[in-house]
Amino acid sequence: KNKVGMATVKLNEAKLELDLQNYRKGLNLAQEAEIFLNQSGNLRHTLTARWLQAEALANSGEKEKSKKRTRQPRQSKSEIPVKPKFRYTHKNF
Protein backbone atom coordinates (compact mmCIF):
# COMPACT_ATOMS: atom_id res chain seq x y z
CA LYS A 1 0.00 0.00 0.00
CA ASN A 2 1.02 3.60 -0.55
CA LYS A 3 1.55 4.94 2.98
CA VAL A 4 2.36 8.46 1.83
CA GLY A 5 -0.88 8.53 -0.16
CA MET A 6 -2.85 7.32 2.86
CA ALA A 7 -1.16 9.93 5.05
CA THR A 8 -1.97 12.66 2.51
CA VAL A 9 -5.63 11.64 2.63
CA LYS A 10 -5.50 11.89 6.43
CA LEU A 11 -4.02 15.39 6.14
CA ASN A 12 -6.88 16.44 3.86
CA GLU A 13 -9.39 14.94 6.30
CA ALA A 14 -7.68 16.82 9.14
CA LYS A 15 -8.02 20.10 7.20
CA LEU A 16 -11.73 19.44 6.67
CA GLU A 17 -12.25 18.67 10.36
CA LEU A 18 -10.50 21.89 11.34
CA ASP A 19 -12.74 23.83 8.95
CA LEU A 20 -15.73 22.23 10.70
CA GLN A 21 -14.22 23.21 14.08
CA ASN A 22 -13.73 19.57 15.09
CA TYR A 23 -10.31 20.35 16.54
CA ARG A 24 -9.73 17.12 18.50
CA LYS A 25 -10.58 14.94 15.50
CA GLY A 26 -8.41 17.09 13.21
CA LEU A 27 -5.54 16.84 15.68
CA ASN A 28 -5.83 13.05 15.85
CA LEU A 29 -5.87 12.71 12.05
CA ALA A 30 -2.82 14.97 11.65
CA GLN A 31 -0.95 12.99 14.31
CA GLU A 32 -1.75 9.70 12.57
CA ALA A 33 -0.55 11.11 9.27
CA GLU A 34 2.71 12.34 10.80
CA ILE A 35 3.59 8.83 11.99
CA PHE A 36 3.56 7.54 8.40
CA LEU A 37 5.25 10.65 7.03
CA ASN A 38 8.16 10.51 9.48
CA GLN A 39 8.97 7.07 8.08
CA SER A 40 8.71 8.24 4.48
CA GLY A 41 11.06 11.20 4.76
CA ASN A 42 8.61 13.55 3.03
CA LEU A 43 9.45 16.83 4.74
CA ARG A 44 6.78 18.97 3.10
CA HIS A 45 3.92 16.75 4.22
CA THR A 46 5.48 16.23 7.66
CA LEU A 47 5.61 19.99 8.19
CA THR A 48 2.00 20.27 7.02
CA ALA A 49 0.99 17.65 9.58
CA ARG A 50 2.77 19.58 12.33
CA TRP A 51 1.19 22.85 11.23
CA LEU A 52 -2.29 21.28 11.29
CA GLN A 53 -1.63 19.91 14.77
CA ALA A 54 -0.51 23.33 15.97
CA GLU A 55 -3.60 24.94 14.45
CA ALA A 56 -5.89 22.41 16.13
CA LEU A 57 -4.19 22.94 19.49
CA ALA A 58 -4.33 26.72 19.20
CA ASN A 59 -8.01 26.72 18.26
CA SER A 60 -8.87 24.41 21.14
CA GLY A 61 -7.24 26.79 23.63
CA GLU A 62 -3.90 25.02 24.05
CA LYS A 63 -1.71 27.84 22.74
CA GLU A 64 1.47 26.82 24.60
CA LYS A 65 1.30 23.27 23.21
CA SER A 66 0.68 24.80 19.80
CA LYS A 67 3.84 26.92 20.03
CA LYS A 68 5.90 23.94 21.17
CA ARG A 69 4.56 21.84 18.29
CA THR A 70 5.69 24.31 15.67
CA ARG A 71 9.11 24.63 17.27
CA GLN A 72 9.69 20.91 17.72
CA PRO A 73 13.08 19.83 16.38
CA ARG A 74 13.43 17.50 13.45
CA GLN A 75 12.81 13.91 14.41
CA SER A 76 14.74 11.93 11.85
CA LYS A 77 17.81 12.10 9.67
CA SER A 78 15.60 12.15 6.59
CA GLU A 79 14.34 15.59 7.64
CA ILE A 80 17.81 17.14 7.63
CA PRO A 81 18.30 19.30 4.53
CA VAL A 82 21.08 18.14 2.25
CA LYS A 83 23.47 20.68 0.80
CA PRO A 84 23.86 20.39 -2.95
CA LYS A 85 27.18 18.96 -4.10
CA PHE A 86 27.27 21.16 -7.16
CA ARG A 87 29.13 24.43 -6.74
CA TYR A 88 28.66 27.33 -9.06
CA THR A 89 32.03 28.48 -10.28
CA HIS A 90 33.33 30.01 -13.44
CA LYS A 91 34.60 26.54 -14.46
CA ASN A 92 31.04 25.20 -14.71
CA PHE A 93 30.14 27.53 -17.57
C-alpha atoms as a PDB file:
ATOM      1  CA  LYS A   1       0.000   0.000   0.000  1.00  0.00           C
ATOM      2  CA  ASN A   2       1.019   3.599  -0.547  1.00  0.00           C
ATOM      3  CA  LYS A   3       1.548   4.937   2.979  1.00  0.00           C
ATOM      4  CA  VAL A   4       2.360   8.465   1.833  1.00  0.00           C
ATOM      5  CA  GLY A   5      -0.877   8.528  -0.157  1.00  0.00           C
ATOM      6  CA  MET A   6      -2.855   7.323   2.863  1.00  0.00           C
ATOM      7  CA  ALA A   7      -1.163   9.935   5.050  1.00  0.00           C
ATOM      8  CA  THR A   8      -1.972  12.660   2.512  1.00  0.00           C
ATOM      9  CA  VAL A   9      -5.635  11.644   2.626  1.00  0.00           C
ATOM     10  CA  LYS A  10      -5.498  11.890   6.426  1.00  0.00           C
ATOM     11  CA  LEU A  11      -4.016  15.392   6.137  1.00  0.00           C
ATOM     12  CA  ASN A  12      -6.881  16.439   3.865  1.00  0.00           C
ATOM     13  CA  GLU A  13      -9.387  14.938   6.304  1.00  0.00           C
ATOM     14  CA  ALA A  14      -7.685  16.824   9.137  1.00  0.00           C
ATOM     15  CA  LYS A  15      -8.016  20.097   7.198  1.00  0.00           C
ATOM     16  CA  LEU A  16     -11.731  19.436   6.667  1.00  0.00           C
ATOM     17  CA  GLU A  17     -12.252  18.666  10.359  1.00  0.00           C
ATOM     18  CA  LEU A  18     -10.498  21.886  11.340  1.00  0.00           C
ATOM     19  CA  ASP A  19     -12.740  23.827   8.949  1.00  0.00           C
ATOM     20  CA  LEU A  20     -15.726  22.226  10.704  1.00  0.00           C
ATOM     21  CA  GLN A  21     -14.218  23.208  14.078  1.00  0.00           C
ATOM     22  CA  ASN A  22     -13.729  19.572  15.093  1.00  0.00           C
ATOM     23  CA  TYR A  23     -10.309  20.347  16.541  1.00  0.00           C
ATOM     24  CA  ARG A  24      -9.728  17.122  18.503  1.00  0.00           C
ATOM     25  CA  LYS A  25     -10.584  14.940  15.502  1.00  0.00           C
ATOM     26  CA  GLY A  26      -8.413  17.095  13.206  1.00  0.00           C
ATOM     27  CA  LEU A  27      -5.544  16.839  15.679  1.00  0.00           C
ATOM     28  CA  ASN A  28      -5.829  13.052  15.849  1.00  0.00           C
ATOM     29  CA  LEU A  29      -5.866  12.712  12.049  1.00  0.00           C
ATOM     30  CA  ALA A  30      -2.823  14.969  11.649  1.00  0.00           C
ATOM     31  CA  GLN A  31      -0.947  12.991  14.308  1.00  0.00           C
ATOM     32  CA  GLU A  32      -1.752   9.697  12.569  1.00  0.00           C
ATOM     33  CA  ALA A  33      -0.551  11.115   9.270  1.00  0.00           C
ATOM     34  CA  GLU A  34       2.713  12.341  10.796  1.00  0.00           C
ATOM     35  CA  ILE A  35       3.587   8.832  11.993  1.00  0.00           C
ATOM     36  CA  PHE A  36       3.565   7.543   8.396  1.00  0.00           C
ATOM     37  CA  LEU A  37       5.251  10.654   7.027  1.00  0.00           C
ATOM     38  CA  ASN A  38       8.162  10.507   9.482  1.00  0.00           C
ATOM     39  CA  GLN A  39       8.968   7.069   8.079  1.00  0.00           C
ATOM     40  CA  SER A  40       8.707   8.240   4.477  1.00  0.00           C
ATOM     41  CA  GLY A  41      11.061  11.203   4.761  1.00  0.00           C
ATOM     42  CA  ASN A  42       8.613  13.550   3.026  1.00  0.00           C
ATOM     43  CA  LEU A  43       9.454  16.826   4.744  1.00  0.00           C
ATOM     44  CA  ARG A  44       6.782  18.970   3.099  1.00  0.00           C
ATOM     45  CA  HIS A  45       3.920  16.745   4.218  1.00  0.00           C
ATOM     46  CA  THR A  46       5.478  16.228   7.656  1.00  0.00           C
ATOM     47  CA  LEU A  47       5.609  19.987   8.190  1.00  0.00           C
ATOM     48  CA  THR A  48       2.005  20.273   7.016  1.00  0.00           C
ATOM     49  CA  ALA A  49       0.990  17.648   9.584  1.00  0.00           C
ATOM     50  CA  ARG A  50       2.775  19.580  12.332  1.00  0.00           C
ATOM     51  CA  TRP A  51       1.185  22.849  11.228  1.00  0.00           C
ATOM     52  CA  LEU A  52      -2.291  21.285  11.292  1.00  0.00           C
ATOM     53  CA  GLN A  53      -1.632  19.911  14.766  1.00  0.00           C
ATOM     54  CA  ALA A  54      -0.506  23.327  15.972  1.00  0.00           C
ATOM     55  CA  GLU A  55      -3.595  24.942  14.451  1.00  0.00           C
ATOM     56  CA  ALA A  56      -5.893  22.405  16.132  1.00  0.00           C
ATOM     57  CA  LEU A  57      -4.191  22.937  19.493  1.00  0.00           C
ATOM     58  CA  ALA A  58      -4.328  26.723  19.200  1.00  0.00           C
ATOM     59  CA  ASN A  59      -8.010  26.719  18.260  1.00  0.00           C
ATOM     60  CA  SER A  60      -8.866  24.407  21.142  1.00  0.00           C
ATOM     61  CA  GLY A  61      -7.238  26.785  23.629  1.00  0.00           C
ATOM     62  CA  GLU A  62      -3.897  25.024  24.053  1.00  0.00           C
ATOM     63  CA  LYS A  63      -1.709  27.839  22.739  1.00  0.00           C
ATOM     64  CA  GLU A  64       1.472  26.817  24.600  1.00  0.00           C
ATOM     65  CA  LYS A  65       1.302  23.269  23.211  1.00  0.00           C
ATOM     66  CA  SER A  66       0.682  24.804  19.801  1.00  0.00           C
ATOM     67  CA  LYS A  67       3.839  26.922  20.026  1.00  0.00           C
ATOM     68  CA  LYS A  68       5.899  23.938  21.171  1.00  0.00           C
ATOM     69  CA  ARG A  69       4.564  21.837  18.295  1.00  0.00           C
ATOM     70  CA  THR A  70       5.685  24.311  15.668  1.00  0.00           C
ATOM     71  CA  ARG A  71       9.109  24.631  17.272  1.00  0.00           C
ATOM     72  CA  GLN A  72       9.686  20.912  17.716  1.00  0.00           C
ATOM     73  CA  PRO A  73      13.083  19.825  16.381  1.00  0.00           C
ATOM     74  CA  ARG A  74      13.427  17.501  13.452  1.00  0.00           C
ATOM     75  CA  GLN A  75      12.813  13.910  14.412  1.00  0.00           C
ATOM     76  CA  SER A  76      14.740  11.928  11.846  1.00  0.00           C
ATOM     77  CA  LYS A  77      17.808  12.099   9.670  1.00  0.00           C
ATOM     78  CA  SER A  78      15.601  12.153   6.591  1.00  0.00           C
ATOM     79  CA  GLU A  79      14.337  15.587   7.643  1.00  0.00           C
ATOM     80  CA  ILE A  80      17.807  17.141   7.632  1.00  0.00           C
ATOM     81  CA  PRO A  81      18.296  19.298   4.528  1.00  0.00           C
ATOM     82  CA  VAL A  82      21.078  18.143   2.254  1.00  0.00           C
ATOM     83  CA  LYS A  83      23.475  20.682   0.800  1.00  0.00           C
ATOM     84  CA  PRO A  84      23.857  20.391  -2.949  1.00  0.00           C
ATOM     85  CA  LYS A  85      27.176  18.958  -4.097  1.00  0.00           C
ATOM     86  CA  PHE A  86      27.273  21.161  -7.165  1.00  0.00           C
ATOM     87  CA  ARG A  87      29.134  24.429  -6.741  1.00  0.00           C
ATOM     88  CA  TYR A  88      28.664  27.331  -9.063  1.00  0.00           C
ATOM     89  CA  THR A  89      32.033  28.482 -10.283  1.00  0.00           C
ATOM     90  CA  HIS A  90      33.329  30.005 -13.443  1.00  0.00           C
ATOM     91  CA  LYS A  91      34.596  26.536 -14.460  1.00  0.00           C
ATOM     92  CA  ASN A  92      31.037  25.199 -14.707  1.00  0.00           C
ATOM     93  CA  PHE A  93      30.141  27.531 -17.573  1.00  0.00           C
END
